[in-house]
PDB file of N, CA and C in Angstrom:
ATOM      1  N   UNK A   1      12.225  -1.827 -12.775  1.00  0.00           N
ATOM      2  CA  UNK A   1      12.641  -0.976 -11.658  1.00  0.00           C
ATOM      3  C   UNK A   1      12.878  -1.873 -10.440  1.00  0.00           C
ATOM      4  N   UNK A   2      13.959  -1.633  -9.785  1.00  0.00           N
ATOM      5  CA  UNK A   2      14.281  -2.427  -8.601  1.00  0.00           C
ATOM      6  C   UNK A   2      13.336  -2.090  -7.460  1.00  0.00           C
ATOM      7  N   UNK A   3      13.065  -3.064  -6.624  1.00  0.00           N
ATOM      8  CA  UNK A   3      12.130  -2.888  -5.512  1.00  0.00           C
ATOM      9  C   UNK A   3      12.561  -1.761  -4.585  1.00  0.00           C
ATOM     10  N   UNK A   4      13.862  -1.630  -4.335  1.00  0.00           N
ATOM     11  CA  UNK A   4      14.341  -0.592  -3.414  1.00  0.00           C
ATOM     12  C   UNK A   4      14.014   0.801  -3.951  1.00  0.00           C
ATOM     13  N   UNK A   5      14.165   0.973  -5.255  1.00  0.00           N
ATOM     14  CA  UNK A   5      13.873   2.267  -5.878  1.00  0.00           C
ATOM     15  C   UNK A   5      12.380   2.538  -5.809  1.00  0.00           C
ATOM     16  N   UNK A   6      11.575   1.536  -6.128  1.00  0.00           N
ATOM     17  CA  UNK A   6      10.118   1.711  -6.072  1.00  0.00           C
ATOM     18  C   UNK A   6       9.667   2.036  -4.656  1.00  0.00           C
ATOM     19  N   UNK A   7      10.234   1.337  -3.668  1.00  0.00           N
ATOM     20  CA  UNK A   7       9.863   1.609  -2.277  1.00  0.00           C
ATOM     21  C   UNK A   7      10.196   3.046  -1.889  1.00  0.00           C
ATOM     22  N   UNK A   8      11.361   3.522  -2.306  1.00  0.00           N
ATOM     23  CA  UNK A   8      11.786   4.886  -1.981  1.00  0.00           C
ATOM     24  C   UNK A   8      10.861   5.898  -2.658  1.00  0.00           C
ATOM     25  N   UNK A   9      10.513   5.665  -3.898  1.00  0.00           N
ATOM     26  CA  UNK A   9       9.638   6.592  -4.615  1.00  0.00           C
ATOM     27  C   UNK A   9       8.228   6.587  -4.022  1.00  0.00           C
ATOM     28  N   UNK A  10       7.778   5.423  -3.580  1.00  0.00           N
ATOM     29  CA  UNK A  10       6.444   5.315  -2.987  1.00  0.00           C
ATOM     30  C   UNK A  10       6.360   5.972  -1.616  1.00  0.00           C
ATOM     31  N   UNK A  11       7.481   6.147  -0.944  1.00  0.00           N
ATOM     32  CA  UNK A  11       7.485   6.664   0.424  1.00  0.00           C
ATOM     33  C   UNK A  11       7.195   8.160   0.513  1.00  0.00           C
ATOM     34  N   UNK A  12       7.486   8.916  -0.532  1.00  0.00           N
ATOM     35  CA  UNK A  12       7.362  10.377  -0.470  1.00  0.00           C
ATOM     36  C   UNK A  12       5.973  10.871  -0.037  1.00  0.00           C
ATOM     37  N   UNK A  13       4.900  10.400  -0.645  1.00  0.00           N
ATOM     38  CA  UNK A  13       3.583  10.912  -0.228  1.00  0.00           C
ATOM     39  C   UNK A  13       3.254  10.603   1.235  1.00  0.00           C
ATOM     40  N   UNK A  14       3.696   9.440   1.698  1.00  0.00           N
ATOM     41  CA  UNK A  14       3.403   9.062   3.074  1.00  0.00           C
ATOM     42  C   UNK A  14       4.217   9.867   4.071  1.00  0.00           C
ATOM     43  N   UNK A  15       5.367  10.325   3.664  1.00  0.00           N
ATOM     44  CA  UNK A  15       6.185  11.177   4.514  1.00  0.00           C
ATOM     45  C   UNK A  15       5.471  12.475   4.861  1.00  0.00           C
ATOM     46  N   UNK A  16       4.673  12.966   3.939  1.00  0.00           N
ATOM     47  CA  UNK A  16       3.917  14.197   4.185  1.00  0.00           C
ATOM     48  C   UNK A  16       2.770  13.975   5.164  1.00  0.00           C
ATOM     49  N   UNK A  17       2.251  12.765   5.208  1.00  0.00           N
ATOM     50  CA  UNK A  17       1.139  12.471   6.119  1.00  0.00           C
ATOM     51  C   UNK A  17       1.597  12.306   7.555  1.00  0.00           C
ATOM     52  N   UNK A  18       2.789  11.788   7.721  1.00  0.00           N
ATOM     53  CA  UNK A  18       3.290  11.491   9.057  1.00  0.00           C
ATOM     54  C   UNK A  18       2.916  10.081   9.463  1.00  0.00           C
ATOM     55  N   UNK A  19       3.586   9.550  10.478  1.00  0.00           N
ATOM     56  CA  UNK A  19       3.392   8.147  10.847  1.00  0.00           C
ATOM     57  C   UNK A  19       1.989   7.802  11.344  1.00  0.00           C
ATOM     58  N   UNK A  20       1.380   8.662  12.132  1.00  0.00           N
ATOM     59  CA  UNK A  20       0.058   8.342  12.689  1.00  0.00           C
ATOM     60  C   UNK A  20      -1.011   8.295  11.602  1.00  0.00           C
ATOM     61  N   UNK A  21      -1.007   9.269  10.714  1.00  0.00           N
ATOM     62  CA  UNK A  21      -2.007   9.306   9.644  1.00  0.00           C
ATOM     63  C   UNK A  21      -1.754   8.186   8.640  1.00  0.00           C
ATOM     64  N   UNK A  22      -0.488   7.888   8.365  1.00  0.00           N
ATOM     65  CA  UNK A  22      -0.164   6.795   7.463  1.00  0.00           C
ATOM     66  C   UNK A  22      -0.646   5.464   8.036  1.00  0.00           C
ATOM     67  N   UNK A  23      -0.442   5.251   9.322  1.00  0.00           N
ATOM     68  CA  UNK A  23      -0.907   4.025   9.967  1.00  0.00           C
ATOM     69  C   UNK A  23      -2.428   3.913   9.880  1.00  0.00           C
ATOM     70  N   UNK A  24      -3.121   5.012  10.072  1.00  0.00           N
ATOM     71  CA  UNK A  24      -4.595   4.997   9.992  1.00  0.00           C
ATOM     72  C   UNK A  24      -5.051   4.720   8.563  1.00  0.00           C
ATOM     73  N   UNK A  25      -4.383   5.307   7.579  1.00  0.00           N
ATOM     74  CA  UNK A  25      -4.710   5.067   6.182  1.00  0.00           C
ATOM     75  C   UNK A  25      -4.538   3.588   5.838  1.00  0.00           C
ATOM     76  N   UNK A  26      -3.440   2.999   6.288  1.00  0.00           N
ATOM     77  CA  UNK A  26      -3.201   1.575   6.049  1.00  0.00           C
ATOM     78  C   UNK A  26      -4.290   0.735   6.704  1.00  0.00           C
ATOM     79  N   UNK A  27      -4.652   1.101   7.914  1.00  0.00           N
ATOM     80  CA  UNK A  27      -5.708   0.384   8.637  1.00  0.00           C
ATOM     81  C   UNK A  27      -7.034   0.439   7.869  1.00  0.00           C
ATOM     82  N   UNK A  28      -7.385   1.611   7.386  1.00  0.00           N
ATOM     83  CA  UNK A  28      -8.650   1.772   6.667  1.00  0.00           C
ATOM     84  C   UNK A  28      -8.635   1.074   5.307  1.00  0.00           C
ATOM     85  N   UNK A  29      -7.488   1.066   4.649  1.00  0.00           N
ATOM     86  CA  UNK A  29      -7.404   0.479   3.308  1.00  0.00           C
ATOM     87  C   UNK A  29      -7.265  -1.041   3.332  1.00  0.00           C
ATOM     88  N   UNK A  30      -6.869  -1.604   4.447  1.00  0.00           N
ATOM     89  CA  UNK A  30      -6.616  -3.048   4.524  1.00  0.00           C
ATOM     90  C   UNK A  30      -7.846  -3.868   4.140  1.00  0.00           C
ATOM     91  N   UNK A  31      -8.984  -3.515   4.649  1.00  0.00           N
ATOM     92  CA  UNK A  31     -10.208  -4.259   4.335  1.00  0.00           C
ATOM     93  C   UNK A  31     -10.561  -4.169   2.864  1.00  0.00           C
ATOM     94  N   UNK A  32     -10.423  -3.006   2.288  1.00  0.00           N
ATOM     95  CA  UNK A  32     -10.728  -2.811   0.874  1.00  0.00           C
ATOM     96  C   UNK A  32      -9.788  -3.627  -0.007  1.00  0.00           C
ATOM     97  N   UNK A  33      -8.490  -3.542   0.267  1.00  0.00           N
ATOM     98  CA  UNK A  33      -7.543  -4.274  -0.572  1.00  0.00           C
ATOM     99  C   UNK A  33      -7.716  -5.783  -0.424  1.00  0.00           C
ATOM    100  N   UNK A  34      -8.019  -6.243   0.766  1.00  0.00           N
ATOM    101  CA  UNK A  34      -8.266  -7.670   0.975  1.00  0.00           C
ATOM    102  C   UNK A  34      -9.480  -8.118   0.177  1.00  0.00           C
ATOM    103  N   UNK A  35     -10.550  -7.355   0.247  1.00  0.00           N
ATOM    104  CA  UNK A  35     -11.765  -7.683  -0.501  1.00  0.00           C
ATOM    105  C   UNK A  35     -11.502  -7.715  -1.999  1.00  0.00           C
ATOM    106  N   UNK A  36     -10.768  -6.731  -2.500  1.00  0.00           N
ATOM    107  CA  UNK A  36     -10.454  -6.679  -3.929  1.00  0.00           C
ATOM    108  C   UNK A  36      -9.599  -7.872  -4.363  1.00  0.00           C
ATOM    109  N   UNK A  37      -8.586  -8.198  -3.569  1.00  0.00           N
ATOM    110  CA  UNK A  37      -7.729  -9.335  -3.910  1.00  0.00           C
ATOM    111  C   UNK A  37      -8.510 -10.638  -3.905  1.00  0.00           C
ATOM    112  N   UNK A  38      -9.317 -10.850  -2.871  1.00  0.00           N
ATOM    113  CA  UNK A  38     -10.079 -12.100  -2.772  1.00  0.00           C
ATOM    114  C   UNK A  38     -11.113 -12.227  -3.884  1.00  0.00           C
ATOM    115  N   UNK A  39     -11.618 -11.109  -4.358  1.00  0.00           N
ATOM    116  CA  UNK A  39     -12.588 -11.115  -5.450  1.00  0.00           C
ATOM    117  C   UNK A  39     -11.908 -11.287  -6.811  1.00  0.00           C
ATOM    118  N   UNK A  40     -10.577 -11.260  -6.821  1.00  0.00           N
ATOM    119  CA  UNK A  40      -9.840 -11.416  -8.063  1.00  0.00           C
ATOM    120  C   UNK A  40      -9.789 -10.154  -8.904  1.00  0.00           C
ATOM    121  N   UNK A  41     -10.068  -9.006  -8.295  1.00  0.00           N
ATOM    122  CA  UNK A  41     -10.081  -7.743  -9.045  1.00  0.00           C
ATOM    123  C   UNK A  41      -8.694  -7.370  -9.530  1.00  0.00           C
ATOM    124  N   UNK A  42      -7.681  -7.699  -8.773  1.00  0.00           N
ATOM    125  CA  UNK A  42      -6.303  -7.383  -9.134  1.00  0.00           C
ATOM    126  C   UNK A  42      -5.417  -8.550  -8.697  1.00  0.00           C
ATOM    127  N   UNK A  43      -4.354  -8.820  -9.443  1.00  0.00           N
ATOM    128  CA  UNK A  43      -3.411  -9.841  -8.999  1.00  0.00           C
ATOM    129  C   UNK A  43      -2.774  -9.426  -7.667  1.00  0.00           C
ATOM    130  N   UNK A  44      -2.526 -10.385  -6.803  1.00  0.00           N
ATOM    131  CA  UNK A  44      -1.947 -10.110  -5.486  1.00  0.00           C
ATOM    132  C   UNK A  44      -0.633  -9.355  -5.595  1.00  0.00           C
ATOM    133  N   UNK A  45       0.127  -9.572  -6.653  1.00  0.00           N
ATOM    134  CA  UNK A  45       1.420  -8.916  -6.818  1.00  0.00           C
ATOM    135  C   UNK A  45       1.290  -7.405  -6.903  1.00  0.00           C
ATOM    136  N   UNK A  46       0.128  -6.896  -7.259  1.00  0.00           N
ATOM    137  CA  UNK A  46      -0.071  -5.453  -7.372  1.00  0.00           C
ATOM    138  C   UNK A  46      -0.211  -4.780  -6.015  1.00  0.00           C
ATOM    139  N   UNK A  47      -0.252  -5.547  -4.965  1.00  0.00           N
ATOM    140  CA  UNK A  47      -0.396  -4.987  -3.631  1.00  0.00           C
ATOM    141  C   UNK A  47       0.900  -5.040  -2.840  1.00  0.00           C
ATOM    142  N   UNK A  48       2.007  -5.255  -3.497  1.00  0.00           N
ATOM    143  CA  UNK A  48       3.322  -5.180  -2.886  1.00  0.00           C
ATOM    144  C   UNK A  48       3.526  -6.149  -1.739  1.00  0.00           C
ATOM    145  N   UNK A  49       4.097  -5.631  -0.673  1.00  0.00           N
ATOM    146  CA  UNK A  49       4.506  -6.470   0.448  1.00  0.00           C
ATOM    147  C   UNK A  49       3.357  -6.827   1.379  1.00  0.00           C
ATOM    148  N   UNK A  50       2.276  -6.066   1.330  1.00  0.00           N
ATOM    149  CA  UNK A  50       1.194  -6.265   2.285  1.00  0.00           C
ATOM    150  C   UNK A  50       0.231  -7.259   1.878  1.00  0.00           C
TER     151      UNK A  50
END
């Protein structure tokens, strides 16, 4: 699947949250995803652009 298609499909749930709630969700999840990546729980590629 091309990245553009995946990005478009991934955007739908966040559209329902709105920009402010999406920004807060990203803020809250950043620490968790960083910890998981550094611990080797998942390959970095599974976390997309961030």
